[in-house]
PDB file of N, CA and C in Angstrom:
ATOM      1  N   MET A   1     -20.884 -61.229  27.465  1.00  0.00           N
ATOM      2  CA  MET A   1     -22.248 -60.065  28.224  1.00  0.00           C
ATOM      3  C   MET A   1     -21.694 -58.862  29.188  1.00  0.00           C
ATOM      4  N   ALA A   2     -21.867 -57.773  28.800  1.00  0.00           N
ATOM      5  CA  ALA A   2     -20.981 -56.436  29.454  1.00  0.00           C
ATOM      6  C   ALA A   2     -21.699 -56.724  30.790  1.00  0.00           C
ATOM      7  N   SER A   3     -20.913 -56.536  31.960  1.00  0.00           N
ATOM      8  CA  SER A   3     -21.536 -56.723  33.736  1.00  0.00           C
ATOM      9  C   SER A   3     -22.579 -56.155  34.116  1.00  0.00           C
ATOM     10  N   TRP A   4     -22.367 -54.817  33.259  1.00  0.00           N
ATOM     11  CA  TRP A   4     -23.659 -53.873  33.533  1.00  0.00           C
ATOM     12  C   TRP A   4     -24.859 -54.735  32.945  1.00  0.00           C
ATOM     13  N   VAL A   5     -24.547 -55.384  31.439  1.00  0.00           N
ATOM     14  CA  VAL A   5     -26.219 -55.973  31.526  1.00  0.00           C
ATOM     15  C   VAL A   5     -27.099 -57.134  32.087  1.00  0.00           C
ATOM     16  N   PHE A   6     -25.746 -58.269  32.493  1.00  0.00           N
ATOM     17  CA  PHE A   6     -26.076 -59.252  33.550  1.00  0.00           C
ATOM     18  C   PHE A   6     -26.780 -58.249  34.769  1.00  0.00           C
ATOM     19  N   GLU A   7     -26.133 -57.784  35.672  1.00  0.00           N
ATOM     20  CA  GLU A   7     -26.309 -57.288  36.694  1.00  0.00           C
ATOM     21  C   GLU A   7     -28.388 -56.703  36.305  1.00  0.00           C
ATOM     22  N   LEU A   8     -28.469 -56.031  35.310  1.00  0.00           N
ATOM     23  CA  LEU A   8     -29.842 -55.398  34.807  1.00  0.00           C
ATOM     24  C   LEU A   8     -30.601 -56.749  34.599  1.00  0.00           C
ATOM     25  N   LEU A   9     -30.759 -57.570  34.031  1.00  0.00           N
ATOM     26  CA  LEU A   9     -31.417 -58.644  33.843  1.00  0.00           C
ATOM     27  C   LEU A   9     -31.149 -59.627  34.876  1.00  0.00           C
ATOM     28  N   LEU A  10     -30.522 -59.718  35.507  1.00  0.00           N
ATOM     29  CA  LEU A  10     -30.698 -59.995  37.140  1.00  0.00           C
ATOM     30  C   LEU A  10     -31.462 -59.567  38.280  1.00  0.00           C
ATOM     31  N   VAL A  11     -31.602 -58.339  38.082  1.00  0.00           N
ATOM     32  CA  VAL A  11     -32.307 -57.599  39.039  1.00  0.00           C
ATOM     33  C   VAL A  11     -34.333 -57.737  38.301  1.00  0.00           C
ATOM     34  N   LEU A  12     -34.065 -57.417  36.765  1.00  0.00           N
ATOM     35  CA  LEU A  12     -35.271 -57.750  36.203  1.00  0.00           C
ATOM     36  C   LEU A  12     -35.900 -58.627  36.615  1.00  0.00           C
ATOM     37  N   TYR A  13     -35.015 -60.275  36.703  1.00  0.00           N
ATOM     38  CA  TYR A  13     -35.518 -61.332  37.110  1.00  0.00           C
ATOM     39  C   TYR A  13     -36.103 -61.105  38.565  1.00  0.00           C
ATOM     40  N   TYR A  14     -35.308 -60.501  39.458  1.00  0.00           N
ATOM     41  CA  TYR A  14     -36.089 -60.330  40.793  1.00  0.00           C
ATOM     42  C   TYR A  14     -37.440 -59.522  40.626  1.00  0.00           C
ATOM     43  N   TYR A  15     -37.331 -58.865  39.863  1.00  0.00           N
ATOM     44  CA  TYR A  15     -38.462 -58.111  39.480  1.00  0.00           C
ATOM     45  C   TYR A  15     -39.792 -58.291  39.417  1.00  0.00           C
ATOM     46  N   TYR A  16     -39.419 -59.227  37.876  1.00  0.00           N
ATOM     47  CA  TYR A  16     -40.849 -60.412  37.480  1.00  0.00           C
ATOM     48  C   TYR A  16     -41.560 -61.174  38.500  1.00  0.00           C
ATOM     49  N   TYR A  17     -40.610 -61.787  39.188  1.00  0.00           N
ATOM     50  CA  TYR A  17     -41.169 -62.885  40.428  1.00  0.00           C
ATOM     51  C   TYR A  17     -41.802 -62.256  41.379  1.00  0.00           C
ATOM     52  N   TYR A  18     -41.092 -60.455  41.623  1.00  0.00           N
ATOM     53  CA  TYR A  18     -41.871 -60.329  43.001  1.00  0.00           C
ATOM     54  C   TYR A  18     -43.114 -59.467  42.607  1.00  0.00           C
ATOM     55  N   TYR A  19     -43.454 -58.790  41.335  1.00  0.00           N
ATOM     56  CA  TYR A  19     -44.657 -57.944  40.625  1.00  0.00           C
ATOM     57  C   TYR A  19     -45.781 -58.700  40.092  1.00  0.00           C
ATOM     58  N   TYR A  20     -45.447 -59.738  39.950  1.00  0.00           N
ATOM     59  CA  TYR A  20     -45.771 -60.770  38.780  1.00  0.00           C
ATOM     60  C   TYR A  20     -47.719 -60.314  39.081  1.00  0.00           C
ATOM     61  N   TYR A  21     -47.715 -60.583  39.775  1.00  0.00           N
ATOM     62  CA  TYR A  21     -49.545 -60.618  40.291  1.00  0.00           C
ATOM     63  C   TYR A  21     -50.047 -58.847  40.488  1.00  0.00           C
ATOM     64  N   TYR A  22     -49.014 -57.989  40.238  1.00  0.00           N
ATOM     65  CA  TYR A  22     -49.465 -56.969  40.447  1.00  0.00           C
ATOM     66  C   TYR A  22     -49.671 -55.467  39.448  1.00  0.00           C
ATOM     67  N   TYR A  23     -48.944 -56.533  38.573  1.00  0.00           N
ATOM     68  CA  TYR A  23     -48.646 -55.866  36.897  1.00  0.00           C
ATOM     69  C   TYR A  23     -49.431 -56.372  35.885  1.00  0.00           C
ATOM     70  N   ASP A  24     -50.143 -55.901  34.985  1.00  0.00           N
ATOM     71  CA  ASP A  24     -49.946 -56.613  33.784  1.00  0.00           C
ATOM     72  C   ASP A  24     -48.828 -56.448  33.060  1.00  0.00           C
ATOM     73  N   TYR A  25     -48.608 -56.918  31.907  1.00  0.00           N
ATOM     74  CA  TYR A  25     -47.385 -57.526  31.134  1.00  0.00           C
ATOM     75  C   TYR A  25     -47.171 -55.601  30.696  1.00  0.00           C
ATOM     76  N   TYR A  26     -47.764 -55.162  30.392  1.00  0.00           N
ATOM     77  CA  TYR A  26     -47.176 -53.682  29.340  1.00  0.00           C
ATOM     78  C   TYR A  26     -46.744 -52.906  30.667  1.00  0.00           C
ATOM     79  N   CYS A  27     -47.977 -52.575  31.846  1.00  0.00           N
ATOM     80  CA  CYS A  27     -46.852 -51.924  32.575  1.00  0.00           C
ATOM     81  C   CYS A  27     -45.681 -52.277  33.186  1.00  0.00           C
ATOM     82  N   TYR A  28     -45.857 -53.643  33.595  1.00  0.00           N
ATOM     83  CA  TYR A  28     -44.250 -54.054  33.874  1.00  0.00           C
ATOM     84  C   TYR A  28     -43.305 -53.637  32.908  1.00  0.00           C
ATOM     85  N   TYR A  29     -43.767 -54.411  31.717  1.00  0.00           N
ATOM     86  CA  TYR A  29     -42.610 -53.549  31.042  1.00  0.00           C
ATOM     87  C   TYR A  29     -42.468 -52.365  30.933  1.00  0.00           C
ATOM     88  N   TYR A  30     -42.738 -51.186  30.607  1.00  0.00           N
ATOM     89  CA  TYR A  30     -42.594 -49.715  30.339  1.00  0.00           C
ATOM     90  C   TYR A  30     -42.210 -49.472  31.879  1.00  0.00           C
ATOM     91  N   TYR A  31     -42.861 -49.658  32.884  1.00  0.00           N
ATOM     92  CA  TYR A  31     -42.343 -48.964  34.308  1.00  0.00           C
ATOM     93  C   TYR A  31     -40.851 -49.201  34.387  1.00  0.00           C
ATOM     94  N   TYR A  32     -40.519 -50.552  34.313  1.00  0.00           N
ATOM     95  CA  TYR A  32     -39.072 -51.083  34.242  1.00  0.00           C
ATOM     96  C   TYR A  32     -38.085 -50.375  33.420  1.00  0.00           C
ATOM     97  N   TYR A  33     -38.780 -50.612  32.219  1.00  0.00           N
ATOM     98  CA  TYR A  33     -37.281 -50.796  31.212  1.00  0.00           C
ATOM     99  C   TYR A  33     -37.299 -48.667  31.849  1.00  0.00           C
ATOM    100  N   TYR A  34     -37.855 -47.870  32.033  1.00  0.00           N
ATOM    101  CA  TYR A  34     -37.330 -46.495  32.278  1.00  0.00           C
ATOM    102  C   TYR A  34     -37.608 -46.605  33.650  1.00  0.00           C
ATOM    103  N   TYR A  35     -37.869 -47.101  34.633  1.00  0.00           N
ATOM    104  CA  TYR A  35     -37.209 -47.107  35.932  1.00  0.00           C
ATOM    105  C   TYR A  35     -35.868 -47.590  36.160  1.00  0.00           C
ATOM    106  N   TYR A  36     -35.494 -48.278  35.047  1.00  0.00           N
ATOM    107  CA  TYR A  36     -33.913 -49.038  35.324  1.00  0.00           C
ATOM    108  C   TYR A  36     -33.072 -48.066  34.315  1.00  0.00           C
ATOM    109  N   ASN A  37     -33.460 -47.610  33.157  1.00  0.00           N
ATOM    110  CA  ASN A  37     -33.013 -47.016  32.608  1.00  0.00           C
ATOM    111  C   ASN A  37     -32.412 -45.283  33.100  1.00  0.00           C
ATOM    112  N   TYR A  38     -33.376 -44.635  33.947  1.00  0.00           N
ATOM    113  CA  TYR A  38     -32.757 -43.657  35.026  1.00  0.00           C
ATOM    114  C   TYR A  38     -31.849 -44.094  35.961  1.00  0.00           C
ATOM    115  N   TYR A  39     -32.464 -45.317  36.761  1.00  0.00           N
ATOM    116  CA  TYR A  39     -31.570 -45.743  38.091  1.00  0.00           C
ATOM    117  C   TYR A  39     -30.053 -46.129  37.525  1.00  0.00           C
ATOM    118  N   TYR A  40     -29.840 -46.680  36.091  1.00  0.00           N
ATOM    119  CA  TYR A  40     -28.235 -47.402  35.889  1.00  0.00           C
ATOM    120  C   TYR A  40     -27.805 -45.807  35.813  1.00  0.00           C
ATOM    121  N   TYR A  41     -28.475 -44.867  34.649  1.00  0.00           N
ATOM    122  CA  TYR A  41     -27.682 -43.689  34.741  1.00  0.00           C
ATOM    123  C   TYR A  41     -27.365 -43.094  35.865  1.00  0.00           C
ATOM    124  N   CYS A  42     -28.144 -42.921  36.711  1.00  0.00           N
ATOM    125  CA  CYS A  42     -28.026 -42.060  38.219  1.00  0.00           C
ATOM    126  C   CYS A  42     -26.479 -42.870  38.707  1.00  0.00           C
ATOM    127  N   HIS A  43     -27.006 -44.457  38.886  1.00  0.00           N
ATOM    128  CA  HIS A  43     -26.065 -44.739  39.959  1.00  0.00           C
ATOM    129  C   HIS A  43     -24.024 -45.233  39.217  1.00  0.00           C
ATOM    130  N   TYR A  44     -24.594 -44.994  37.527  1.00  0.00           N
ATOM    131  CA  TYR A  44     -23.451 -44.999  37.273  1.00  0.00           C
ATOM    132  C   TYR A  44     -22.401 -43.673  36.701  1.00  0.00           C
ATOM    133  N   TYR A  45     -23.815 -42.708  36.828  1.00  0.00           N
ATOM    134  CA  TYR A  45     -22.983 -41.283  36.954  1.00  0.00           C
ATOM    135  C   TYR A  45     -22.352 -41.057  37.961  1.00  0.00           C
ATOM    136  N   TYR A  46     -23.128 -41.343  38.940  1.00  0.00           N
ATOM    137  CA  TYR A  46     -22.617 -40.479  40.919  1.00  0.00           C
ATOM    138  C   TYR A  46     -22.134 -41.319  41.846  1.00  0.00           C
ATOM    139  N   TYR A  47     -22.218 -42.877  41.244  1.00  0.00           N
ATOM    140  CA  TYR A  47     -22.341 -43.472  42.762  1.00  0.00           C
ATOM    141  C   TYR A  47     -21.853 -44.522  41.963  1.00  0.00           C
ATOM    142  N   ASP A  48     -20.839 -45.465  42.110  1.00  0.00           N
ATOM    143  CA  ASP A  48     -20.431 -46.639  41.350  1.00  0.00           C
ATOM    144  C   ASP A  48     -20.155 -47.996  42.067  1.00  0.00           C
ATOM    145  N   ASP A  49     -20.507 -48.093  43.624  1.00  0.00           N
ATOM    146  CA  ASP A  49     -20.097 -49.123  44.606  1.00  0.00           C
ATOM    147  C   ASP A  49     -21.443 -49.811  44.673  1.00  0.00           C
ATOM    148  N   TRP A  50     -22.264 -49.298  45.088  1.00  0.00           N
ATOM    149  CA  TRP A  50     -23.494 -49.619  45.650  1.00  0.00           C
ATOM    150  C   TRP A  50     -24.150 -50.671  45.182  1.00  0.00           C
ATOM    151  N   HIS A  51     -23.715 -51.028  43.549  1.00  0.00           N
ATOM    152  CA  HIS A  51     -24.603 -51.814  42.915  1.00  0.00           C
ATOM    153  C   HIS A  51     -24.542 -53.057  42.785  1.00  0.00           C
ATOM    154  N   TYR A  52     -23.551 -53.397  43.785  1.00  0.00           N
ATOM    155  CA  TYR A  52     -22.902 -55.166  44.640  1.00  0.00           C
ATOM    156  C   TYR A  52     -24.259 -55.757  45.248  1.00  0.00           C
ATOM    157  N   TYR A  53     -25.120 -54.726  45.601  1.00  0.00           N
ATOM    158  CA  TYR A  53     -26.232 -55.048  46.523  1.00  0.00           C
ATOM    159  C   TYR A  53     -26.892 -55.874  45.320  1.00  0.00           C
ATOM    160  N   TYR A  54     -27.163 -55.904  44.293  1.00  0.00           N
ATOM    161  CA  TYR A  54     -27.854 -56.740  43.617  1.00  0.00           C
ATOM    162  C   TYR A  54     -27.512 -58.181  43.627  1.00  0.00           C
ATOM    163  N   TYR A  55     -26.739 -58.416  44.276  1.00  0.00           N
ATOM    164  CA  TYR A  55     -26.767 -59.755  44.512  1.00  0.00           C
ATOM    165  C   TYR A  55     -26.623 -60.613  45.830  1.00  0.00           C
ATOM    166  N   TYR A  56     -27.410 -59.336  46.979  1.00  0.00           N
ATOM    167  CA  TYR A  56     -27.237 -59.832  48.003  1.00  0.00           C
ATOM    168  C   TYR A  56     -28.805 -59.147  48.869  1.00  0.00           C
ATOM    169  N   TYR A  57     -29.629 -58.730  47.996  1.00  0.00           N
ATOM    170  CA  TYR A  57     -30.735 -58.511  48.623  1.00  0.00           C
ATOM    171  C   TYR A  57     -31.838 -59.234  47.564  1.00  0.00           C
ATOM    172  N   TYR A  58     -33.057 -59.474  47.831  1.00  0.00           N
ATOM    173  CA  TYR A  58     -33.905 -59.865  47.135  1.00  0.00           C
ATOM    174  C   TYR A  58     -34.879 -58.671  46.867  1.00  0.00           C
ATOM    175  N   TYR A  59     -35.758 -58.221  45.784  1.00  0.00           N
ATOM    176  CA  TYR A  59     -35.968 -56.992  45.661  1.00  0.00           C
ATOM    177  C   TYR A  59     -37.067 -56.968  46.384  1.00  0.00           C
ATOM    178  N   TYR A  60     -37.802 -57.224  47.017  1.00  0.00           N
ATOM    179  CA  TYR A  60     -38.264 -55.950  47.659  1.00  0.00           C
ATOM    180  C   TYR A  60     -37.622 -55.154  48.789  1.00  0.00           C
ATOM    181  N   TYR A  61     -36.994 -55.968  49.500  1.00  0.00           N
ATOM    182  CA  TYR A  61     -35.666 -55.534  50.537  1.00  0.00           C
ATOM    183  C   TYR A  61     -35.212 -53.767  49.811  1.00  0.00           C
ATOM    184  N   TYR A  62     -34.908 -55.096  48.535  1.00  0.00           N
ATOM    185  CA  TYR A  62     -33.701 -53.969  47.729  1.00  0.00           C
ATOM    186  C   TYR A  62     -34.463 -52.747  47.092  1.00  0.00           C
ATOM    187  N   TYR A  63     -35.868 -53.089  46.864  1.00  0.00           N
ATOM    188  CA  TYR A  63     -36.232 -51.488  46.467  1.00  0.00           C
ATOM    189  C   TYR A  63     -36.367 -50.261  47.522  1.00  0.00           C
ATOM    190  N   TYR A  64     -36.732 -51.032  48.783  1.00  0.00           N
ATOM    191  CA  TYR A  64     -36.548 -50.474  50.118  1.00  0.00           C
ATOM    192  C   TYR A  64     -35.646 -49.385  49.996  1.00  0.00           C
ATOM    193  N   TYR A  65     -34.926 -50.427  49.971  1.00  0.00           N
ATOM    194  CA  TYR A  65     -32.927 -49.382  50.057  1.00  0.00           C
ATOM    195  C   TYR A  65     -32.775 -48.384  49.377  1.00  0.00           C
ATOM    196  N   TYR A  66     -33.367 -48.836  47.942  1.00  0.00           N
ATOM    197  CA  TYR A  66     -33.410 -48.284  46.965  1.00  0.00           C
ATOM    198  C   TYR A  66     -33.834 -46.638  47.149  1.00  0.00           C
ATOM    199  N   TYR A  67     -35.022 -46.806  46.755  1.00  0.00           N
ATOM    200  CA  TYR A  67     -35.953 -45.590  47.386  1.00  0.00           C
ATOM    201  C   TYR A  67     -35.557 -44.704  48.346  1.00  0.00           C
ATOM    202  N   TYR A  68     -35.278 -45.470  49.764  1.00  0.00           N
ATOM    203  CA  TYR A  68     -34.371 -44.304  50.743  1.00  0.00           C
ATOM    204  C   TYR A  68     -32.691 -43.891  50.406  1.00  0.00           C
ATOM    205  N   TYR A  69     -32.326 -44.534  49.639  1.00  0.00           N
ATOM    206  CA  TYR A  69     -30.816 -44.041  49.195  1.00  0.00           C
ATOM    207  C   TYR A  69     -31.308 -42.545  48.027  1.00  0.00           C
ATOM    208  N   TYR A  70     -32.205 -42.477  47.309  1.00  0.00           N
ATOM    209  CA  TYR A  70     -32.429 -42.023  46.493  1.00  0.00           C
ATOM    210  C   TYR A  70     -32.972 -40.702  46.758  1.00  0.00           C
ATOM    211  N   GLN A  71     -34.005 -41.096  47.820  1.00  0.00           N
ATOM    212  CA  GLN A  71     -34.602 -39.889  48.724  1.00  0.00           C
ATOM    213  C   GLN A  71     -34.303 -39.166  49.157  1.00  0.00           C
ATOM    214  N   TYR A  72     -33.050 -39.808  49.626  1.00  0.00           N
ATOM    215  CA  TYR A  72     -31.991 -38.733  50.860  1.00  0.00           C
ATOM    216  C   TYR A  72     -30.608 -38.137  49.921  1.00  0.00           C
ATOM    217  N   TYR A  73     -30.405 -38.588  49.054  1.00  0.00           N
ATOM    218  CA  TYR A  73     -29.393 -38.575  48.922  1.00  0.00           C
ATOM    219  C   TYR A  73     -28.922 -37.733  46.928  1.00  0.00           C
ATOM    220  N   TYR A  74     -30.312 -38.532  46.233  1.00  0.00           N
ATOM    221  CA  TYR A  74     -30.199 -38.431  44.863  1.00  0.00           C
ATOM    222  C   TYR A  74     -31.386 -38.021  44.247  1.00  0.00           C
ATOM    223  N   TYR A  75     -31.726 -37.038  45.104  1.00  0.00           N
ATOM    224  CA  TYR A  75     -33.448 -36.622  45.028  1.00  0.00           C
ATOM    225  C   TYR A  75     -33.944 -36.235  43.466  1.00  0.00           C
ATOM    226  N   GLU A  76     -32.827 -35.866  42.907  1.00  0.00           N
ATOM    227  CA  GLU A  76     -33.108 -35.234  41.298  1.00  0.00           C
ATOM    228  C   GLU A  76     -33.616 -36.482  40.582  1.00  0.00           C
ATOM    229  N   CYS A  77     -32.696 -37.761  40.938  1.00  0.00           N
ATOM    230  CA  CYS A  77     -32.784 -38.983  40.262  1.00  0.00           C
ATOM    231  C   CYS A  77     -33.920 -39.668  40.236  1.00  0.00           C
ATOM    232  N   HIS A  78     -34.295 -40.056  41.881  1.00  0.00           N
ATOM    233  CA  HIS A  78     -35.776 -40.266  42.807  1.00  0.00           C
ATOM    234  C   HIS A  78     -36.816 -39.452  42.018  1.00  0.00           C
ATOM    235  N   THR A  79     -36.919 -37.903  41.462  1.00  0.00           N
ATOM    236  CA  THR A  79     -37.915 -37.464  40.819  1.00  0.00           C
ATOM    237  C   THR A  79     -38.017 -37.795  39.676  1.00  0.00           C
ATOM    238  N   TYR A  80     -37.088 -38.212  38.945  1.00  0.00           N
ATOM    239  CA  TYR A  80     -37.011 -38.670  37.434  1.00  0.00           C
ATOM    240  C   TYR A  80     -37.837 -40.160  37.260  1.00  0.00           C
ATOM    241  N   TYR A  81     -37.821 -41.246  38.525  1.00  0.00           N
ATOM    242  CA  TYR A  81     -38.141 -42.117  38.103  1.00  0.00           C
ATOM    243  C   TYR A  81     -39.351 -41.921  38.669  1.00  0.00           C
ATOM    244  N   THR A  82     -39.707 -41.427  39.913  1.00  0.00           N
ATOM    245  CA  THR A  82     -41.124 -40.698  39.926  1.00  0.00           C
ATOM    246  C   THR A  82     -42.192 -40.353  38.919  1.00  0.00           C
ATOM    247  N   TYR A  83     -41.680 -39.508  38.194  1.00  0.00           N
ATOM    248  CA  TYR A  83     -42.168 -38.795  37.149  1.00  0.00           C
ATOM    249  C   TYR A  83     -42.445 -39.938  36.159  1.00  0.00           C
ATOM    250  N   TYR A  84     -41.513 -40.835  35.809  1.00  0.00           N
ATOM    251  CA  TYR A  84     -41.603 -41.631  34.796  1.00  0.00           C
ATOM    252  C   TYR A  84     -42.429 -42.858  35.311  1.00  0.00           C
ATOM    253  N   TYR A  85     -42.700 -43.676  36.640  1.00  0.00           N
ATOM    254  CA  TYR A  85     -43.044 -44.232  36.938  1.00  0.00           C
ATOM    255  C   TYR A  85     -44.525 -44.386  36.444  1.00  0.00           C
ATOM    256  N   TYR A  86     -44.921 -42.816  37.181  1.00  0.00           N
ATOM    257  CA  TYR A  86     -46.672 -42.630  37.241  1.00  0.00           C
ATOM    258  C   TYR A  86     -47.543 -42.398  35.948  1.00  0.00           C
ATOM    259  N   TYR A  87     -46.293 -41.464  34.994  1.00  0.00           N
ATOM    260  CA  TYR A  87     -46.691 -41.667  33.334  1.00  0.00           C
ATOM    261  C   TYR A  87     -47.001 -42.492  32.867  1.00  0.00           C
ATOM    262  N   TYR A  88     -45.513 -43.871  32.980  1.00  0.00           N
ATOM    263  CA  TYR A  88     -45.836 -44.903  31.820  1.00  0.00           C
ATOM    264  C   TYR A  88     -47.076 -46.293  33.147  1.00  0.00           C
ATOM    265  N   TYR A  89     -47.106 -46.044  34.346  1.00  0.00           N
ATOM    266  CA  TYR A  89     -48.166 -46.865  35.058  1.00  0.00           C
ATOM    267  C   TYR A  89     -49.764 -46.670  34.209  1.00  0.00           C
ATOM    268  N   TYR A  90     -49.935 -45.477  34.514  1.00  0.00           N
ATOM    269  CA  TYR A  90     -51.162 -44.743  34.213  1.00  0.00           C
ATOM    270  C   TYR A  90     -51.907 -44.961  32.810  1.00  0.00           C
ATOM    271  N   TYR A  91     -50.677 -44.446  31.860  1.00  0.00           N
ATOM    272  CA  TYR A  91     -50.604 -44.247  30.263  1.00  0.00           C
ATOM    273  C   TYR A  91     -51.214 -45.535  29.895  1.00  0.00           C
ATOM    274  N   TYR A  92     -50.314 -46.656  30.573  1.00  0.00           N
ATOM    275  CA  TYR A  92     -50.546 -47.892  29.822  1.00  0.00           C
ATOM    276  C   TYR A  92     -51.607 -48.804  30.747  1.00  0.00           C
TER     277      TYR A  92
END
């Protein structure tokens, strides 16, 4: 299995257990599919070192770090994430 696929599945595992009580299945699926689609693109294209945090942080803390990181350094990526989050969350 490609390393990025493994990392994606690993973090999705943490997502599922943390947000299980807050999102129904369809919101969860579309929200995270598009979130990671854009997140991984930005991570891969702009900066390829900090993905190792996958292995060291539980998701709640990692999410805070990710939000902070993109808000201040890669606002364009964060904007895409926000757009898709609201679109798919409210649509489904």
